[in-house]
């Protein structure tokens, strides 16, 4: 590695509490035998990063934020055999899974209790360099830019949750609550999976930025929940039947409750949004009377990554259109500001 300094700057969550984010100088990571050193080319700001800023998601400070990334390998450890310096990569954020528990041994390392992923458990991608284990890497095709590559991780969440777990079927009527980045990725995943109709549900605040981007992506059916009765609108669209699948990507307690009213009997509800609260009110009996299946989801398993990379490479999931803002690391405060004010769809930090 040819660097002029042994140090780099990272965006740290310094200690517990609301706020407490600052740039700090730190040493460039030293890789282990099974790791590679990645030069971060682009990193996306996730809703989780916002939750960490506001003390609403588990984390272990002081820690560098950022888990959505793409980059180029600079160095490899002596045990690395599948990758070489110069390779373009993205990576699954499941570091430090124990490998011994029932979950790990059944291929579910993403929910191992010992997992300490980059960006909250260990230092992440809002820095120039990142040490990363070889077994969690995926090659980034040449026709996917580094900027687009930074969206593979959130897109993989949508692919896993909507396609692999909730299993969109041909001609399904799908409702997506929340036209933010994850909602739009979920809508595209549903369309790629064969959905016949995709309806996006937002609020009047989404009309300024999010709905126009959704229209650019080819979606044309919307419900504005604070201006109309969303449940009634879905009943009318489906002749009283209800949606086959409702994807809850908003994290709104009101939208979560409405999901049960929107879904058909024996339909599916797919959770992908995070509420950031310990509990919310939920229409339990109505869900029972409908006999609906609810899929709860966390992070990503192995199979969805290459599937997602293929969908992005083929253009079936258009991540490029979602990238509306990009800032250097030193302008992280402005980058977080446009995300929190919903001025942006997807904002990248370029270290």
Protein backbone atom coordinates (compact mmCIF):
# COMPACT_ATOMS: atom_id res chain seq x y z
CA UNK A 1 0.00 0.00 0.00
CA UNK A 2 1.36 3.38 -0.98
CA UNK A 3 0.05 5.95 1.47
CA UNK A 4 1.83 9.08 2.61
CA UNK A 5 0.56 8.70 6.15
CA UNK A 6 -0.15 5.92 8.61
CA UNK A 7 -3.26 7.79 9.71
CA UNK A 8 -6.72 8.56 8.33
CA UNK A 9 -9.82 10.51 9.33
CA UNK A 10 -13.00 8.72 10.39
CA UNK A 11 -16.50 9.86 11.38
CA UNK A 12 -16.94 8.61 14.93
CA UNK A 13 -19.85 8.16 17.24
CA UNK A 14 -17.74 9.14 20.21
CA UNK A 15 -19.93 8.06 23.12
CA UNK A 16 -23.51 7.30 24.09
CA UNK A 17 -26.24 9.90 23.77
CA UNK A 18 -27.91 11.99 21.08
CA UNK A 19 -25.42 13.53 18.67
CA UNK A 20 -21.80 12.98 19.68
CA UNK A 21 -20.54 12.61 16.10
CA UNK A 22 -17.18 14.06 15.10
CA UNK A 23 -14.25 13.55 12.75
CA UNK A 24 -11.20 12.07 14.44
CA UNK A 25 -7.76 11.05 13.25
CA UNK A 26 -6.97 7.38 13.70
CA UNK A 27 -4.52 4.78 12.47
CA UNK A 28 -5.03 2.98 9.16
CA UNK A 29 -6.25 -0.54 10.05
CA UNK A 30 -3.75 -3.38 10.19
CA UNK A 31 -5.23 -6.44 8.50
CA UNK A 32 -5.34 -9.98 9.89
CA UNK A 33 -4.26 -12.99 7.78
CA UNK A 34 -7.84 -13.62 6.60
CA UNK A 35 -8.61 -9.96 5.84
CA UNK A 36 -8.12 -7.44 3.07
CA UNK A 37 -7.55 -3.71 3.31
CA UNK A 38 -10.12 -1.82 1.26
CA UNK A 39 -9.84 1.74 0.02
CA UNK A 40 -13.38 3.03 0.41
CA UNK A 41 -14.58 4.66 -2.81
CA UNK A 42 -18.17 5.42 -1.76
CA UNK A 43 -20.32 4.86 1.33
CA UNK A 44 -24.04 5.38 1.77
CA UNK A 45 -25.80 7.00 4.72
CA UNK A 46 -28.35 4.51 6.04
CA UNK A 47 -31.34 5.09 8.27
CA UNK A 48 -29.41 3.08 10.84
CA UNK A 49 -26.70 5.75 10.87
CA UNK A 50 -29.38 8.34 11.63
CA UNK A 51 -30.78 6.11 14.39
CA UNK A 52 -27.29 5.79 15.89
CA UNK A 53 -26.89 9.55 15.81
CA UNK A 54 -30.09 9.84 17.84
CA UNK A 55 -29.23 6.95 20.18
CA UNK A 56 -31.98 4.70 18.80
CA UNK A 57 -29.94 1.70 17.62
CA UNK A 58 -27.38 -0.50 19.41
CA UNK A 59 -23.74 0.57 18.99
CA UNK A 60 -20.40 0.35 20.79
CA UNK A 61 -18.61 3.70 20.92
CA UNK A 62 -16.16 5.02 20.05
CA UNK A 63 -16.87 3.60 16.60
CA UNK A 64 -16.60 4.80 13.01
CA UNK A 65 -20.03 4.78 11.36
CA UNK A 66 -20.96 3.43 7.91
CA UNK A 67 -21.77 -0.08 6.66
CA UNK A 68 -22.95 0.50 3.07
CA UNK A 69 -19.79 0.68 0.97
CA UNK A 70 -17.86 -0.17 -2.14
CA UNK A 71 -14.14 -0.05 -2.63
CA UNK A 72 -10.89 -1.35 -4.08
CA UNK A 73 -8.62 -3.88 -2.41
CA UNK A 74 -5.18 -2.47 -1.59
CA UNK A 75 -3.66 -5.30 0.44
CA UNK A 76 -4.49 -8.92 1.19
CA UNK A 77 -3.62 -11.07 4.19
CA UNK A 78 -1.50 -14.18 3.80
CA UNK A 79 -4.53 -16.51 4.04
CA UNK A 80 -6.57 -14.68 1.36
CA UNK A 81 -6.94 -16.71 -1.85
CA UNK A 82 -10.09 -15.52 -3.64
CA UNK A 83 -9.24 -11.84 -4.08
CA UNK A 84 -6.20 -9.78 -5.07
CA UNK A 85 -5.09 -6.15 -4.88
CA UNK A 86 -7.02 -4.00 -7.35
CA UNK A 87 -10.25 -6.03 -7.15
CA UNK A 88 -13.45 -4.01 -6.88
CA UNK A 89 -15.62 -5.26 -4.00
CA UNK A 90 -18.61 -4.85 -1.74
CA UNK A 91 -19.14 -6.72 1.51
CA UNK A 92 -21.69 -8.26 3.85
CA UNK A 93 -21.62 -6.45 7.21
CA UNK A 94 -21.58 -9.55 9.43
CA UNK A 95 -18.16 -9.45 11.03
CA UNK A 96 -17.37 -11.25 14.28
CA UNK A 97 -20.22 -13.74 14.04
CA UNK A 98 -19.10 -16.58 16.30
CA UNK A 99 -19.34 -19.44 13.77
CA UNK A 100 -20.32 -21.85 16.56
CA UNK A 101 -23.93 -21.13 17.52
CA UNK A 102 -27.00 -22.73 15.98
CA UNK A 103 -27.67 -19.65 13.86
CA UNK A 104 -24.17 -19.53 12.41
CA UNK A 105 -24.09 -23.26 11.75
CA UNK A 106 -27.38 -23.07 9.85
CA UNK A 107 -26.09 -20.24 7.64
CA UNK A 108 -27.68 -17.34 9.50
CA UNK A 109 -24.61 -15.43 10.61
CA UNK A 110 -26.45 -12.14 10.04
CA UNK A 111 -28.42 -12.66 13.27
CA UNK A 112 -25.71 -14.21 15.42
CA UNK A 113 -25.83 -12.62 18.88
CA UNK A 114 -22.05 -12.13 18.78
CA UNK A 115 -22.06 -10.24 15.47
CA UNK A 116 -20.37 -6.83 15.60
CA UNK A 117 -20.71 -5.32 12.18
CA UNK A 118 -18.83 -2.34 10.73
CA UNK A 119 -20.53 0.95 11.48
CA UNK A 120 -21.90 0.11 14.91
CA UNK A 121 -20.04 -2.86 16.42
CA UNK A 122 -16.60 -2.16 14.97
CA UNK A 123 -15.15 0.65 12.87
CA UNK A 124 -16.96 1.14 9.58
CA UNK A 125 -16.77 2.75 6.16
CA UNK A 126 -17.01 6.48 6.87
CA UNK A 127 -13.23 6.59 6.55
CA UNK A 128 -10.65 6.14 3.82
CA UNK A 129 -9.71 2.54 4.64
CA UNK A 130 -11.49 -0.51 6.04
CA UNK A 131 -10.18 -3.93 7.11
CA UNK A 132 -12.61 -6.64 6.03
CA UNK A 133 -12.70 -10.46 6.17
CA UNK A 134 -12.37 -12.26 2.85
CA UNK A 135 -15.34 -14.60 3.36
CA UNK A 136 -17.79 -11.68 3.41
CA UNK A 137 -16.64 -10.05 0.16
CA UNK A 138 -18.40 -10.05 -3.22
CA UNK A 139 -16.85 -8.94 -6.50
CA UNK A 140 -18.31 -5.78 -8.02
CA UNK A 141 -18.78 -6.07 -11.82
CA UNK A 142 -17.14 -3.45 -14.00
CA UNK A 143 -20.51 -2.18 -15.25
CA UNK A 144 -21.54 -1.15 -11.74
CA UNK A 145 -19.88 2.08 -10.61
CA UNK A 146 -18.43 2.48 -7.14
CA UNK A 147 -21.27 4.91 -6.36
CA UNK A 148 -23.86 2.34 -7.41
CA UNK A 149 -21.93 -0.33 -5.55
CA UNK A 150 -22.45 1.52 -2.28
CA UNK A 151 -26.17 0.76 -2.66
CA UNK A 152 -25.75 -3.01 -3.04
CA UNK A 153 -26.13 -3.55 0.70
CA UNK A 154 -29.49 -1.74 1.09
CA UNK A 155 -30.69 -3.27 -2.17
CA UNK A 156 -29.75 -6.71 -0.84
CA UNK A 157 -32.00 -6.08 2.16
CA UNK A 158 -34.91 -5.41 -0.18
CA UNK A 159 -34.15 -8.45 -2.33
CA UNK A 160 -33.91 -10.77 0.65
CA UNK A 161 -36.96 -9.47 2.47
CA UNK A 162 -39.29 -8.97 -0.48
CA UNK A 163 -38.20 -11.73 -2.86
CA UNK A 164 -36.56 -14.44 -0.77
CA UNK A 165 -38.66 -14.27 2.40
CA UNK A 166 -42.02 -12.69 1.53
CA UNK A 167 -41.76 -14.29 -1.93
CA UNK A 168 -43.41 -12.01 -4.48
CA UNK A 169 -45.41 -14.10 -6.92
CA UNK A 170 -46.30 -13.31 -10.55
CA UNK A 171 -49.07 -10.70 -10.82
CA UNK A 172 -49.10 -9.97 -7.08
CA UNK A 173 -50.71 -6.72 -5.96
CA UNK A 174 -48.00 -5.15 -3.79
CA UNK A 175 -48.24 -2.12 -1.52
CA UNK A 176 -45.06 -0.44 -0.27
CA UNK A 177 -45.39 1.87 2.73
CA UNK A 178 -42.71 4.56 2.63
CA UNK A 179 -41.17 5.84 -0.65
CA UNK A 180 -37.73 6.42 0.86
CA UNK A 181 -34.60 4.59 -0.33
CA UNK A 182 -35.55 1.20 1.12
CA UNK A 183 -39.16 1.57 0.00
CA UNK A 184 -38.12 2.38 -3.56
CA UNK A 185 -35.64 -0.50 -3.59
CA UNK A 186 -38.40 -2.79 -2.30
CA UNK A 187 -40.76 -1.57 -5.00
CA UNK A 188 -38.16 -2.29 -7.69
CA UNK A 189 -37.45 -5.71 -6.19
CA UNK A 190 -41.17 -6.51 -6.23
CA UNK A 191 -41.43 -5.44 -9.85
CA UNK A 192 -38.37 -7.50 -10.77
CA UNK A 193 -39.99 -10.46 -9.04
CA UNK A 194 -43.08 -10.28 -11.23
CA UNK A 195 -45.53 -8.13 -9.27
CA UNK A 196 -48.46 -7.04 -11.44
CA UNK A 197 -49.18 -3.82 -9.55
CA UNK A 198 -47.01 -1.84 -7.15
CA UNK A 199 -48.58 0.97 -5.13
CA UNK A 200 -46.40 3.34 -3.10
CA UNK A 201 -47.83 4.92 0.05
CA UNK A 202 -46.32 8.14 1.34
CA UNK A 203 -47.31 11.44 2.90
CA UNK A 204 -47.67 14.94 1.52
CA UNK A 205 -44.06 15.67 2.48
CA UNK A 206 -42.96 13.02 -0.04
CA UNK A 207 -44.46 14.93 -2.96
CA UNK A 208 -41.51 17.30 -3.23
CA UNK A 209 -38.63 14.84 -3.63
CA UNK A 210 -39.57 11.20 -3.27
CA UNK A 211 -42.65 10.87 -5.48
CA UNK A 212 -40.92 12.49 -8.49
CA UNK A 213 -38.04 10.02 -8.16
CA UNK A 214 -40.53 7.15 -7.91
CA UNK A 215 -42.16 8.39 -11.11
CA UNK A 216 -38.77 8.57 -12.79
CA UNK A 217 -38.30 4.92 -11.84
CA UNK A 218 -41.53 4.05 -13.63
CA UNK A 219 -44.04 3.87 -10.77
CA UNK A 220 -47.37 5.58 -11.28
CA UNK A 221 -49.72 4.50 -8.48
CA UNK A 222 -49.51 6.42 -5.22
CA UNK A 223 -51.49 6.94 -2.04
CA UNK A 224 -50.91 10.06 0.08
CA UNK A 225 -51.82 8.76 3.52
CA UNK A 226 -52.40 12.12 5.23
CA UNK A 227 -54.72 13.25 2.43
CA UNK A 228 -56.80 10.12 1.82
CA UNK A 229 -57.86 6.89 3.48
CA UNK A 230 -55.18 4.44 2.41
CA UNK A 231 -57.08 1.31 3.46
CA UNK A 232 -60.17 2.38 1.56
CA UNK A 233 -58.05 3.27 -1.48
CA UNK A 234 -56.52 -0.23 -1.56
CA UNK A 235 -59.96 -1.81 -1.17
CA UNK A 236 -61.16 0.18 -4.18
CA UNK A 237 -58.11 -0.72 -6.27
CA UNK A 238 -58.52 -4.42 -5.52
CA UNK A 239 -62.33 -4.65 -5.61
CA UNK A 240 -62.41 -5.27 -1.88
CA UNK A 241 -59.87 -8.10 -1.91
CA UNK A 242 -56.82 -6.34 -0.45
CA UNK A 243 -53.14 -6.50 -1.32
CA UNK A 244 -51.32 -9.79 -1.70
CA UNK A 245 -48.27 -8.30 -0.06
CA UNK A 246 -47.70 -5.16 1.99
CA UNK A 247 -44.08 -4.11 2.46
CA UNK A 248 -43.64 -1.91 5.52
CA UNK A 249 -40.63 0.30 4.82
CA UNK A 250 -41.69 3.48 6.58
CA UNK A 251 -41.09 2.68 10.24
CA UNK A 252 -44.26 4.62 11.02
CA UNK A 253 -46.52 3.18 13.71
CA UNK A 254 -49.56 4.46 11.85
CA UNK A 255 -48.44 2.83 8.60
CA UNK A 256 -47.68 -0.46 10.35
CA UNK A 257 -51.20 -0.57 11.75
CA UNK A 258 -52.64 0.35 8.34
CA UNK A 259 -50.72 -2.54 6.74
CA UNK A 260 -53.06 -5.00 8.42
CA UNK A 261 -56.08 -3.19 7.01
CA UNK A 262 -54.58 -3.16 3.51
CA UNK A 263 -53.55 -6.80 3.25
CA UNK A 264 -55.96 -9.46 1.96
CA UNK A 265 -57.03 -12.48 3.96
CA UNK A 266 -54.14 -14.97 3.98
CA UNK A 267 -51.91 -12.23 2.54
CA UNK A 268 -48.38 -11.32 3.61
CA UNK A 269 -46.85 -8.38 5.43
CA UNK A 270 -43.11 -7.84 5.08
CA UNK A 271 -41.36 -5.74 7.72
CA UNK A 272 -38.25 -3.96 6.54
CA UNK A 273 -38.45 -0.53 8.22
CA UNK A 274 -37.20 0.14 11.76
CA UNK A 275 -39.41 2.02 14.21
CA UNK A 276 -36.71 3.08 16.68
CA UNK A 277 -39.07 2.55 19.64
CA UNK A 278 -39.37 -0.36 22.09
CA UNK A 279 -43.06 -0.92 21.30
CA UNK A 280 -46.01 0.38 19.27
CA UNK A 281 -49.75 -0.29 19.11
CA UNK A 282 -50.70 -3.09 16.69
CA UNK A 283 -54.12 -4.43 15.54
CA UNK A 284 -53.38 -7.97 16.70
CA UNK A 285 -56.92 -9.35 16.45
CA UNK A 286 -57.46 -8.01 12.93
CA UNK A 287 -54.22 -9.65 11.81
CA UNK A 288 -55.45 -12.89 13.36
CA UNK A 289 -58.87 -12.66 11.74
CA UNK A 290 -57.22 -12.16 8.36
CA UNK A 291 -54.85 -15.06 8.92
CA UNK A 292 -52.04 -13.01 7.40
CA UNK A 293 -48.39 -13.99 7.57
CA UNK A 294 -45.95 -11.39 8.88
CA UNK A 295 -42.27 -11.64 7.96
CA UNK A 296 -39.85 -9.91 10.30
CA UNK A 297 -36.40 -9.29 8.87
CA UNK A 298 -32.93 -8.23 9.92
CA UNK A 299 -29.87 -7.68 7.76
CA UNK A 300 -28.96 -9.95 4.82
CA UNK A 301 -28.12 -13.60 4.24
CA UNK A 302 -25.57 -14.93 1.76
CA UNK A 303 -27.88 -15.80 -1.14
CA UNK A 304 -29.34 -12.35 -1.71
CA UNK A 305 -26.00 -10.65 -2.42
CA UNK A 306 -25.07 -12.15 -5.77
CA UNK A 307 -28.73 -12.07 -6.76
CA UNK A 308 -28.82 -8.35 -5.98
CA UNK A 309 -25.59 -7.65 -7.82
CA UNK A 310 -27.07 -9.39 -10.87
CA UNK A 311 -30.30 -7.41 -10.68
CA UNK A 312 -28.38 -4.13 -10.43
CA UNK A 313 -25.96 -5.07 -13.22
CA UNK A 314 -28.88 -5.95 -15.53
CA UNK A 315 -30.73 -2.70 -14.74
CA UNK A 316 -33.73 -4.44 -13.21
CA UNK A 317 -32.98 -2.59 -9.99
CA UNK A 318 -31.93 0.97 -10.81
CA UNK A 319 -29.84 2.24 -7.90
CA UNK A 320 -28.25 5.08 -9.85
CA UNK A 321 -31.46 7.11 -9.95
CA UNK A 322 -31.69 6.93 -6.16
CA UNK A 323 -28.35 8.71 -5.69
CA UNK A 324 -29.32 12.36 -5.35
CA UNK A 325 -26.52 13.77 -3.18
CA UNK A 326 -22.82 13.14 -2.64
CA UNK A 327 -20.42 14.82 -0.19
CA UNK A 328 -16.78 14.49 0.87
CA UNK A 329 -16.26 13.13 4.37
CA UNK A 330 -15.37 16.57 5.74
CA UNK A 331 -18.90 17.74 4.83
CA UNK A 332 -20.61 14.93 6.77
CA UNK A 333 -22.81 17.36 8.72
CA UNK A 334 -24.45 18.63 5.52
CA UNK A 335 -24.76 15.06 4.26
CA UNK A 336 -26.65 13.99 7.39
CA UNK A 337 -28.76 17.14 7.24
CA UNK A 338 -30.15 16.45 3.76
CA UNK A 339 -30.99 12.88 4.79
CA UNK A 340 -32.81 13.91 7.95
CA UNK A 341 -34.72 16.70 6.21
CA UNK A 342 -35.75 14.26 3.45
CA UNK A 343 -34.23 16.52 0.80
CA UNK A 344 -32.31 13.50 -0.48
CA UNK A 345 -33.24 10.02 -1.58
CA UNK A 346 -29.80 8.45 -1.16
CA UNK A 347 -26.77 10.38 0.00
CA UNK A 348 -23.20 9.15 -0.42
CA UNK A 349 -20.05 10.06 1.46
CA UNK A 350 -16.89 9.94 -0.64
CA UNK A 351 -13.94 9.59 1.77
